[in-house]
């Protein structure tokens, strides 16, 4: 059984439902399997670094 792990920002339940559904469809089609697990890890922007900076700092600068 394939397992797909998604690392990303917080999302509402409907967004997660769609993400899980669509990823599952693709994995089933490519692997020709029925059972697929999808795990979503939600990360706060202050816990993610991009190009040497915290994502929270990058986003705060964009809002100005």
PDB file of N, CA and C in Angstrom:
ATOM      1  N   UNK A   1       0.842  -1.166   0.000  1.00  0.00           N
ATOM      2  CA  UNK A   1       0.000   0.000   0.000  1.00  0.00           C
ATOM      3  C   UNK A   1       0.896   1.241   0.000  1.00  0.00           C
ATOM      4  N   UNK A   2       0.809   2.094  -1.021  1.00  0.00           N
ATOM      5  CA  UNK A   2       1.588   3.319  -1.047  1.00  0.00           C
ATOM      6  C   UNK A   2       1.112   4.299   0.022  1.00  0.00           C
ATOM      7  N   UNK A   3       2.059   5.032   0.570  1.00  0.00           N
ATOM      8  CA  UNK A   3       1.750   6.096   1.510  1.00  0.00           C
ATOM      9  C   UNK A   3       2.350   7.386   0.977  1.00  0.00           C
ATOM     10  N   UNK A   4       1.528   8.418   0.895  1.00  0.00           N
ATOM     11  CA  UNK A   4       1.970   9.727   0.440  1.00  0.00           C
ATOM     12  C   UNK A   4       1.924  10.661   1.630  1.00  0.00           C
ATOM     13  N   UNK A   5       3.032  11.375   1.867  1.00  0.00           N
ATOM     14  CA  UNK A   5       3.101  12.317   2.976  1.00  0.00           C
ATOM     15  C   UNK A   5       3.202  13.722   2.397  1.00  0.00           C
ATOM     16  N   UNK A   6       2.276  14.578   2.809  1.00  0.00           N
ATOM     17  CA  UNK A   6       2.223  15.963   2.347  1.00  0.00           C
ATOM     18  C   UNK A   6       2.698  16.863   3.477  1.00  0.00           C
ATOM     19  N   UNK A   7       3.680  17.696   3.206  1.00  0.00           N
ATOM     20  CA  UNK A   7       4.145  18.716   4.140  1.00  0.00           C
ATOM     21  C   UNK A   7       3.673  20.050   3.587  1.00  0.00           C
ATOM     22  N   UNK A   8       2.856  20.776   4.340  1.00  0.00           N
ATOM     23  CA  UNK A   8       2.364  22.041   3.813  1.00  0.00           C
ATOM     24  C   UNK A   8       1.754  22.913   4.882  1.00  0.00           C
ATOM     25  N   UNK A   9       1.167  24.011   4.434  1.00  0.00           N
ATOM     26  CA  UNK A   9       0.564  24.946   5.385  1.00  0.00           C
ATOM     27  C   UNK A   9      -0.762  24.427   5.924  1.00  0.00           C
ATOM     28  N   UNK A  10      -1.240  25.077   6.959  1.00  0.00           N
ATOM     29  CA  UNK A  10      -2.560  24.723   7.496  1.00  0.00           C
ATOM     30  C   UNK A  10      -3.604  24.909   6.412  1.00  0.00           C
ATOM     31  N   UNK A  11      -4.589  24.031   6.415  1.00  0.00           N
ATOM     32  CA  UNK A  11      -5.662  24.098   5.417  1.00  0.00           C
ATOM     33  C   UNK A  11      -6.971  23.721   6.088  1.00  0.00           C
ATOM     34  N   UNK A  12      -8.066  24.206   5.499  1.00  0.00           N
ATOM     35  CA  UNK A  12      -9.362  23.843   6.059  1.00  0.00           C
ATOM     36  C   UNK A  12      -9.712  22.409   5.646  1.00  0.00           C
ATOM     37  N   UNK A  13     -10.726  21.861   6.273  1.00  0.00           N
ATOM     38  CA  UNK A  13     -11.096  20.467   6.067  1.00  0.00           C
ATOM     39  C   UNK A  13     -11.479  20.177   4.631  1.00  0.00           C
ATOM     40  N   UNK A  14     -12.206  21.071   3.981  1.00  0.00           N
ATOM     41  CA  UNK A  14     -12.602  20.842   2.585  1.00  0.00           C
ATOM     42  C   UNK A  14     -11.386  20.769   1.669  1.00  0.00           C
ATOM     43  N   UNK A  15     -10.420  21.623   1.902  1.00  0.00           N
ATOM     44  CA  UNK A  15      -9.189  21.596   1.105  1.00  0.00           C
ATOM     45  C   UNK A  15      -8.465  20.271   1.291  1.00  0.00           C
ATOM     46  N   UNK A  16      -8.393  19.802   2.519  1.00  0.00           N
ATOM     47  CA  UNK A  16      -7.725  18.523   2.795  1.00  0.00           C
ATOM     48  C   UNK A  16      -8.478  17.359   2.162  1.00  0.00           C
ATOM     49  N   UNK A  17      -9.803  17.408   2.194  1.00  0.00           N
ATOM     50  CA  UNK A  17     -10.601  16.350   1.548  1.00  0.00           C
ATOM     51  C   UNK A  17     -10.274  16.263   0.057  1.00  0.00           C
ATOM     52  N   UNK A  18     -10.261  17.426  -0.589  1.00  0.00           N
ATOM     53  CA  UNK A  18      -9.979  17.441  -2.025  1.00  0.00           C
ATOM     54  C   UNK A  18      -8.562  16.969  -2.312  1.00  0.00           C
ATOM     55  N   UNK A  19      -7.609  17.412  -1.525  1.00  0.00           N
ATOM     56  CA  UNK A  19      -6.216  17.000  -1.696  1.00  0.00           C
ATOM     57  C   UNK A  19      -6.079  15.493  -1.577  1.00  0.00           C
ATOM     58  N   UNK A  20      -6.661  14.917  -0.537  1.00  0.00           N
ATOM     59  CA  UNK A  20      -6.594  13.467  -0.319  1.00  0.00           C
ATOM     60  C   UNK A  20      -7.277  12.714  -1.456  1.00  0.00           C
ATOM     61  N   UNK A  21      -8.433  13.190  -1.883  1.00  0.00           N
ATOM     62  CA  UNK A  21      -9.164  12.527  -2.966  1.00  0.00           C
ATOM     63  C   UNK A  21      -8.369  12.536  -4.263  1.00  0.00           C
ATOM     64  N   UNK A  22      -7.841  13.692  -4.628  1.00  0.00           N
ATOM     65  CA  UNK A  22      -7.147  13.800  -5.904  1.00  0.00           C
ATOM     66  C   UNK A  22      -5.812  13.065  -5.909  1.00  0.00           C
ATOM     67  N   UNK A  23      -5.076  13.137  -4.814  1.00  0.00           N
ATOM     68  CA  UNK A  23      -3.806  12.407  -4.740  1.00  0.00           C
ATOM     69  C   UNK A  23      -4.065  10.913  -4.791  1.00  0.00           C
ATOM     70  N   UNK A  24      -5.086  10.461  -4.079  1.00  0.00           N
ATOM     71  CA  UNK A  24      -5.443   9.040  -4.088  1.00  0.00           C
ATOM     72  C   UNK A  24      -5.778   8.572  -5.499  1.00  0.00           C
ATOM     73  N   UNK A  25      -6.543   9.368  -6.239  1.00  0.00           N
ATOM     74  CA  UNK A  25      -6.896   9.002  -7.612  1.00  0.00           C
ATOM     75  C   UNK A  25      -5.646   8.786  -8.470  1.00  0.00           C
ATOM     76  N   UNK A  26      -4.708   9.705  -8.384  1.00  0.00           N
ATOM     77  CA  UNK A  26      -3.491   9.608  -9.199  1.00  0.00           C
ATOM     78  C   UNK A  26      -2.656   8.399  -8.799  1.00  0.00           C
ATOM     79  N   UNK A  27      -2.477   8.183  -7.510  1.00  0.00           N
ATOM     80  CA  UNK A  27      -1.666   7.059  -7.050  1.00  0.00           C
ATOM     81  C   UNK A  27      -2.316   5.730  -7.455  1.00  0.00           C
ATOM     82  N   UNK A  28      -3.623   5.636  -7.318  1.00  0.00           N
ATOM     83  CA  UNK A  28      -4.320   4.413  -7.755  1.00  0.00           C
ATOM     84  C   UNK A  28      -4.110   4.161  -9.244  1.00  0.00           C
ATOM     85  N   UNK A  29      -4.228   5.214 -10.044  1.00  0.00           N
ATOM     86  CA  UNK A  29      -4.084   5.077 -11.489  1.00  0.00           C
ATOM     87  C   UNK A  29      -2.661   4.643 -11.863  1.00  0.00           C
ATOM     88  N   UNK A  30      -1.675   5.264 -11.263  1.00  0.00           N
ATOM     89  CA  UNK A  30      -0.285   4.980 -11.624  1.00  0.00           C
ATOM     90  C   UNK A  30       0.179   3.639 -11.084  1.00  0.00           C
ATOM     91  N   UNK A  31      -0.115   3.345  -9.824  1.00  0.00           N
ATOM     92  CA  UNK A  31       0.342   2.106  -9.196  1.00  0.00           C
ATOM     93  C   UNK A  31      -0.573   0.916  -9.445  1.00  0.00           C
ATOM     94  N   UNK A  32      -1.770   1.172  -9.942  1.00  0.00           N
ATOM     95  CA  UNK A  32      -2.751   0.093 -10.171  1.00  0.00           C
ATOM     96  C   UNK A  32      -3.044  -0.660  -8.877  1.00  0.00           C
ATOM     97  N   UNK A  33      -3.292   0.117  -7.798  1.00  0.00           N
ATOM     98  CA  UNK A  33      -3.620  -0.457  -6.492  1.00  0.00           C
ATOM     99  C   UNK A  33      -4.924   0.161  -6.008  1.00  0.00           C
ATOM    100  N   UNK A  34      -5.494  -0.456  -4.995  1.00  0.00           N
ATOM    101  CA  UNK A  34      -6.743   0.064  -4.438  1.00  0.00           C
ATOM    102  C   UNK A  34      -6.498   0.891  -3.176  1.00  0.00           C
ATOM    103  N   UNK A  35      -5.665   0.383  -2.281  1.00  0.00           N
ATOM    104  CA  UNK A  35      -5.453   1.038  -0.988  1.00  0.00           C
ATOM    105  C   UNK A  35      -4.308   2.043  -1.068  1.00  0.00           C
ATOM    106  N   UNK A  36      -4.587   3.269  -0.666  1.00  0.00           N
ATOM    107  CA  UNK A  36      -3.595   4.346  -0.643  1.00  0.00           C
ATOM    108  C   UNK A  36      -3.774   5.122   0.655  1.00  0.00           C
ATOM    109  N   UNK A  37      -2.679   5.406   1.323  1.00  0.00           N
ATOM    110  CA  UNK A  37      -2.724   6.243   2.527  1.00  0.00           C
ATOM    111  C   UNK A  37      -2.132   7.609   2.204  1.00  0.00           C
ATOM    112  N   UNK A  38      -2.777   8.657   2.707  1.00  0.00           N
ATOM    113  CA  UNK A  38      -2.265  10.014   2.562  1.00  0.00           C
ATOM    114  C   UNK A  38      -2.199  10.612   3.965  1.00  0.00           C
ATOM    115  N   UNK A  39      -1.024  11.124   4.327  1.00  0.00           N
ATOM    116  CA  UNK A  39      -0.813  11.744   5.629  1.00  0.00           C
ATOM    117  C   UNK A  39      -0.485  13.211   5.387  1.00  0.00           C
ATOM    118  N   UNK A  40      -1.207  14.095   6.061  1.00  0.00           N
ATOM    119  CA  UNK A  40      -0.984  15.527   5.918  1.00  0.00           C
ATOM    120  C   UNK A  40      -0.332  16.056   7.189  1.00  0.00           C
ATOM    121  N   UNK A  41       0.852  16.634   7.031  1.00  0.00           N
ATOM    122  CA  UNK A  41       1.533  17.303   8.138  1.00  0.00           C
ATOM    123  C   UNK A  41       1.390  18.800   7.908  1.00  0.00           C
ATOM    124  N   UNK A  42       0.703  19.470   8.805  1.00  0.00           N
ATOM    125  CA  UNK A  42       0.530  20.915   8.682  1.00  0.00           C
ATOM    126  C   UNK A  42       1.645  21.629   9.449  1.00  0.00           C
ATOM    127  N   UNK A  43       2.273  22.564   8.775  1.00  0.00           N
ATOM    128  CA  UNK A  43       3.403  23.273   9.360  1.00  0.00           C
ATOM    129  C   UNK A  43       3.096  24.758   9.527  1.00  0.00           C
ATOM    130  N   UNK A  44       3.373  25.273  10.699  1.00  0.00           N
ATOM    131  CA  UNK A  44       3.241  26.706  10.950  1.00  0.00           C
ATOM    132  C   UNK A  44       4.366  27.431  10.210  1.00  0.00           C
ATOM    133  N   UNK A  45       4.102  28.621   9.676  1.00  0.00           N
ATOM    134  CA  UNK A  45       5.128  29.361   8.934  1.00  0.00           C
ATOM    135  C   UNK A  45       6.406  29.629   9.738  1.00  0.00           C
ATOM    136  N   UNK A  46       6.289  29.744  11.063  1.00  0.00           N
ATOM    137  CA  UNK A  46       7.503  29.979  11.858  1.00  0.00           C
ATOM    138  C   UNK A  46       8.341  28.710  12.036  1.00  0.00           C
ATOM    139  N   UNK A  47       7.842  27.583  11.540  1.00  0.00           N
ATOM    140  CA  UNK A  47       8.591  26.330  11.607  1.00  0.00           C
ATOM    141  C   UNK A  47       9.154  25.912  10.256  1.00  0.00           C
ATOM    142  N   UNK A  48       9.093  26.809   9.265  1.00  0.00           N
ATOM    143  CA  UNK A  48       9.562  26.495   7.920  1.00  0.00           C
ATOM    144  C   UNK A  48      10.577  27.548   7.508  1.00  0.00           C
ATOM    145  N   UNK A  49      11.725  27.107   6.998  1.00  0.00           N
ATOM    146  CA  UNK A  49      12.735  28.020   6.495  1.00  0.00           C
ATOM    147  C   UNK A  49      12.784  27.981   4.981  1.00  0.00           C
ATOM    148  N   UNK A  50      12.913  29.154   4.361  1.00  0.00           N
ATOM    149  CA  UNK A  50      13.022  29.273   2.913  1.00  0.00           C
ATOM    150  C   UNK A  50      14.195  30.199   2.605  1.00  0.00           C
ATOM    151  N   UNK A  51      15.159  29.685   1.904  1.00  0.00           N
ATOM    152  CA  UNK A  51      16.335  30.487   1.527  1.00  0.00           C
ATOM    153  C   UNK A  51      16.969  31.197   2.723  1.00  0.00           C
ATOM    154  N   UNK A  52      17.083  30.510   3.823  1.00  0.00           N
ATOM    155  CA  UNK A  52      17.764  31.052   4.996  1.00  0.00           C
ATOM    156  C   UNK A  52      16.917  31.946   5.888  1.00  0.00           C
ATOM    157  N   UNK A  53      15.630  32.049   5.608  1.00  0.00           N
ATOM    158  CA  UNK A  53      14.741  32.885   6.420  1.00  0.00           C
ATOM    159  C   UNK A  53      13.523  32.085   6.851  1.00  0.00           C
ATOM    160  N   UNK A  54      12.943  32.481   7.978  1.00  0.00           N
ATOM    161  CA  UNK A  54      11.692  31.865   8.386  1.00  0.00           C
ATOM    162  C   UNK A  54      10.589  32.289   7.424  1.00  0.00           C
ATOM    163  N   UNK A  55       9.743  31.357   7.056  1.00  0.00           N
ATOM    164  CA  UNK A  55       8.639  31.657   6.159  1.00  0.00           C
ATOM    165  C   UNK A  55       7.730  32.722   6.748  1.00  0.00           C
ATOM    166  N   UNK A  56       7.551  32.733   8.063  1.00  0.00           N
ATOM    167  CA  UNK A  56       6.713  33.751   8.705  1.00  0.00           C
ATOM    168  C   UNK A  56       7.266  35.152   8.450  1.00  0.00           C
ATOM    169  N   UNK A  57       8.590  35.315   8.431  1.00  0.00           N
ATOM    170  CA  UNK A  57       9.193  36.617   8.150  1.00  0.00           C
ATOM    171  C   UNK A  57       8.989  37.018   6.690  1.00  0.00           C
ATOM    172  N   UNK A  58       9.143  36.070   5.790  1.00  0.00           N
ATOM    173  CA  UNK A  58       8.940  36.325   4.354  1.00  0.00           C
ATOM    174  C   UNK A  58       7.500  36.772   4.111  1.00  0.00           C
ATOM    175  N   UNK A  59       6.540  36.053   4.692  1.00  0.00           N
ATOM    176  CA  UNK A  59       5.134  36.391   4.508  1.00  0.00           C
ATOM    177  C   UNK A  59       4.791  37.746   5.109  1.00  0.00           C
ATOM    178  N   UNK A  60       5.373  38.060   6.262  1.00  0.00           N
ATOM    179  CA  UNK A  60       5.115  39.347   6.906  1.00  0.00           C
ATOM    180  C   UNK A  60       5.619  40.489   6.034  1.00  0.00           C
ATOM    181  N   UNK A  61       6.775  40.306   5.403  1.00  0.00           N
ATOM    182  CA  UNK A  61       7.324  41.336   4.518  1.00  0.00           C
ATOM    183  C   UNK A  61       6.420  41.549   3.299  1.00  0.00           C
ATOM    184  N   UNK A  62       5.846  40.478   2.787  1.00  0.00           N
ATOM    185  CA  UNK A  62       4.971  40.588   1.609  1.00  0.00           C
ATOM    186  C   UNK A  62       3.693  41.365   1.909  1.00  0.00           C
ATOM    187  N   UNK A  63       3.246  41.327   3.150  1.00  0.00           N
ATOM    188  CA  UNK A  63       2.005  42.013   3.536  1.00  0.00           C
ATOM    189  C   UNK A  63       2.179  43.520   3.623  1.00  0.00           C
ATOM    190  N   UNK A  64       3.434  43.983   3.701  1.00  0.00           N
ATOM    191  CA  UNK A  64       3.687  45.427   3.863  1.00  0.00           C
ATOM    192  C   UNK A  64       3.558  46.145   2.540  1.00  0.00           C
TER     193      UNK A  64
END
